[in-house]
Amino acid sequence: MKQVISLSLILFSLLLVTQSCSKEVAANIVQTAPDQIINAAVSADNAYTLNIANLGDVSISRQALHFDVSQIEIEAKDKTPVYKYIPATGFTGTDEVELFSSKTYNTNSGPCNGGGGRHSTTMSSIIVKFTVTK
């Protein structure tokens, strides 16, 4: 009987610990930044670069259609993350790409997550509309 009570107590304790240190929940995910549209003029065969260093984790959620290069990379000279677009050779007209940004903030300190406590995540999408001219 003692073993059953001890085992039950241990299982209950584990349940409490895992609940208090759970990963972020949907209530902590908030969208604080509105979607942003950037209009960019690019001459054919030239590059457009957007500094994304302050946006957190950025990914391409909808790729451009007319490109030779459309990617997230680290700029060589100052080691900052950028989105880079080079239109397809000979292409003129309009194109667009949608970037998705996710940034997590520590909202208070606590015993879980290495002292990280609770987290809030901001998400936004950035649409870059290109006008490619000769």
Protein backbone atom coordinates (compact mmCIF):
# COMPACT_ATOMS: atom_id res chain seq x y z
CA MET A 1 0.00 0.00 0.00
CA LYS A 2 2.89 2.33 0.85
CA GLN A 3 4.36 1.75 -2.60
CA VAL A 4 1.09 2.67 -4.33
CA ILE A 5 0.83 5.92 -2.37
CA SER A 6 4.49 6.76 -3.01
CA LEU A 7 4.17 6.02 -6.72
CA SER A 8 0.98 8.11 -6.93
CA LEU A 9 2.69 11.01 -5.17
CA ILE A 10 5.68 10.84 -7.55
CA LEU A 11 3.44 10.77 -10.63
CA PHE A 12 1.40 13.69 -9.33
CA SER A 13 4.59 15.68 -8.67
CA LEU A 14 5.84 15.00 -12.19
CA LEU A 15 2.53 16.17 -13.59
CA LEU A 16 2.80 19.46 -11.68
CA VAL A 17 6.38 20.06 -12.84
CA THR A 18 5.62 19.39 -16.50
CA GLN A 19 2.56 21.65 -16.39
CA SER A 20 4.42 24.56 -14.85
CA CYS A 21 7.27 24.36 -17.39
CA SER A 22 5.18 23.81 -20.48
CA LYS A 23 6.00 25.38 -23.83
CA GLU A 24 4.22 28.53 -24.91
CA VAL A 25 0.49 28.30 -25.26
CA ALA A 26 -1.75 29.92 -27.85
CA ALA A 27 -2.79 32.66 -25.40
CA ASN A 28 0.82 33.90 -25.29
CA ILE A 29 1.06 34.26 -29.07
CA VAL A 30 -0.01 37.75 -30.04
CA GLN A 31 0.23 39.66 -33.26
CA THR A 32 1.40 43.13 -32.30
CA ALA A 33 2.70 44.38 -35.63
CA PRO A 34 0.35 44.92 -38.54
CA ASP A 35 1.23 43.45 -41.89
CA GLN A 36 3.58 45.73 -43.79
CA ILE A 37 3.78 46.43 -47.54
CA ILE A 38 7.03 47.71 -49.01
CA ASN A 39 7.04 49.10 -52.54
CA ALA A 40 10.46 48.72 -54.13
CA ALA A 41 11.73 49.93 -57.49
CA VAL A 42 14.50 47.78 -58.95
CA SER A 43 16.34 48.21 -62.22
CA ALA A 44 16.68 45.05 -64.27
CA ASP A 45 19.73 42.93 -63.40
CA ASN A 46 20.35 44.89 -60.15
CA ALA A 47 19.88 43.63 -56.60
CA TYR A 48 17.42 44.81 -53.96
CA THR A 49 18.43 44.19 -50.34
CA LEU A 50 16.20 44.51 -47.26
CA ASN A 51 17.82 44.52 -43.82
CA ILE A 52 15.85 42.10 -41.62
CA ALA A 53 18.13 42.10 -38.56
CA ASN A 54 15.51 43.52 -36.17
CA LEU A 55 12.66 41.24 -37.29
CA GLY A 56 13.61 38.02 -35.47
CA ASP A 57 13.30 34.75 -37.39
CA VAL A 58 12.34 35.53 -40.99
CA SER A 59 11.34 33.07 -43.68
CA ILE A 60 9.87 33.33 -47.15
CA SER A 61 6.21 32.34 -46.98
CA ARG A 62 5.38 33.07 -50.63
CA GLN A 63 8.20 33.16 -53.14
CA ALA A 64 8.54 35.74 -55.92
CA LEU A 65 7.81 34.48 -59.44
CA HIS A 66 10.39 36.23 -61.64
CA PHE A 67 13.77 36.01 -59.93
CA ASP A 68 17.34 34.84 -60.34
CA VAL A 69 17.91 35.30 -56.59
CA SER A 70 15.22 35.57 -53.90
CA GLN A 71 16.57 34.42 -50.57
CA ILE A 72 17.46 35.24 -46.99
CA GLU A 73 21.19 35.41 -46.43
CA ILE A 74 23.88 36.91 -44.22
CA GLU A 75 25.49 40.00 -45.73
CA ALA A 76 29.24 39.42 -46.03
CA LYS A 77 30.54 42.85 -45.04
CA ASP A 78 28.61 43.48 -41.79
CA LYS A 79 27.25 39.98 -41.00
CA THR A 80 23.59 41.07 -40.78
CA PRO A 81 20.66 39.03 -42.08
CA VAL A 82 19.06 40.43 -45.24
CA TYR A 83 16.49 39.45 -47.82
CA LYS A 84 18.03 39.69 -51.31
CA TYR A 85 16.16 39.87 -54.64
CA ILE A 86 17.63 39.94 -58.12
CA PRO A 87 15.05 39.86 -60.92
CA ALA A 88 15.26 37.23 -63.65
CA THR A 89 17.54 38.21 -66.51
CA GLY A 90 15.69 40.45 -68.94
CA PHE A 91 12.55 40.61 -66.78
CA THR A 92 10.64 43.89 -66.44
CA GLY A 93 7.27 44.26 -64.74
CA THR A 94 5.93 43.58 -61.28
CA ASP A 95 6.79 40.84 -58.83
CA GLU A 96 6.29 40.30 -55.12
CA VAL A 97 7.48 38.18 -52.23
CA GLU A 98 5.92 37.60 -48.80
CA LEU A 99 8.17 37.29 -45.78
CA PHE A 100 7.04 35.88 -42.43
CA SER A 101 8.59 37.24 -39.24
CA SER A 102 8.42 35.63 -35.79
CA LYS A 103 10.09 37.15 -32.73
CA THR A 104 9.89 35.75 -29.19
CA TYR A 105 10.21 37.97 -26.13
CA ASN A 106 10.86 37.01 -22.52
CA THR A 107 7.95 38.52 -20.56
CA ASN A 108 9.16 37.71 -17.05
CA SER A 109 11.74 35.60 -15.31
CA GLY A 110 10.96 32.31 -13.67
CA PRO A 111 12.27 28.85 -12.89
CA CYS A 112 11.36 27.23 -16.21
CA ASN A 113 13.17 27.34 -19.53
CA GLY A 114 16.52 28.06 -17.94
CA GLY A 115 15.17 30.99 -15.96
CA GLY A 116 13.33 32.36 -18.98
CA GLY A 117 9.82 32.24 -17.58
CA ARG A 118 6.92 33.13 -19.88
CA HIS A 119 7.31 34.09 -23.50
CA SER A 120 5.27 36.12 -25.97
CA THR A 121 5.69 35.78 -29.71
CA THR A 122 4.95 38.46 -32.28
CA MET A 123 4.28 37.44 -35.85
CA SER A 124 3.89 39.56 -38.94
CA SER A 125 4.02 39.27 -42.67
CA ILE A 126 5.88 41.70 -44.89
CA ILE A 127 5.00 41.91 -48.57
CA VAL A 128 7.63 43.43 -50.82
CA LYS A 129 6.14 44.58 -54.14
CA PHE A 130 8.78 45.03 -56.81
CA THR A 131 8.53 47.21 -59.89
CA VAL A 132 11.35 46.08 -62.17
CA THR A 133 12.37 48.56 -64.86
CA LYS A 134 15.09 48.65 -67.52
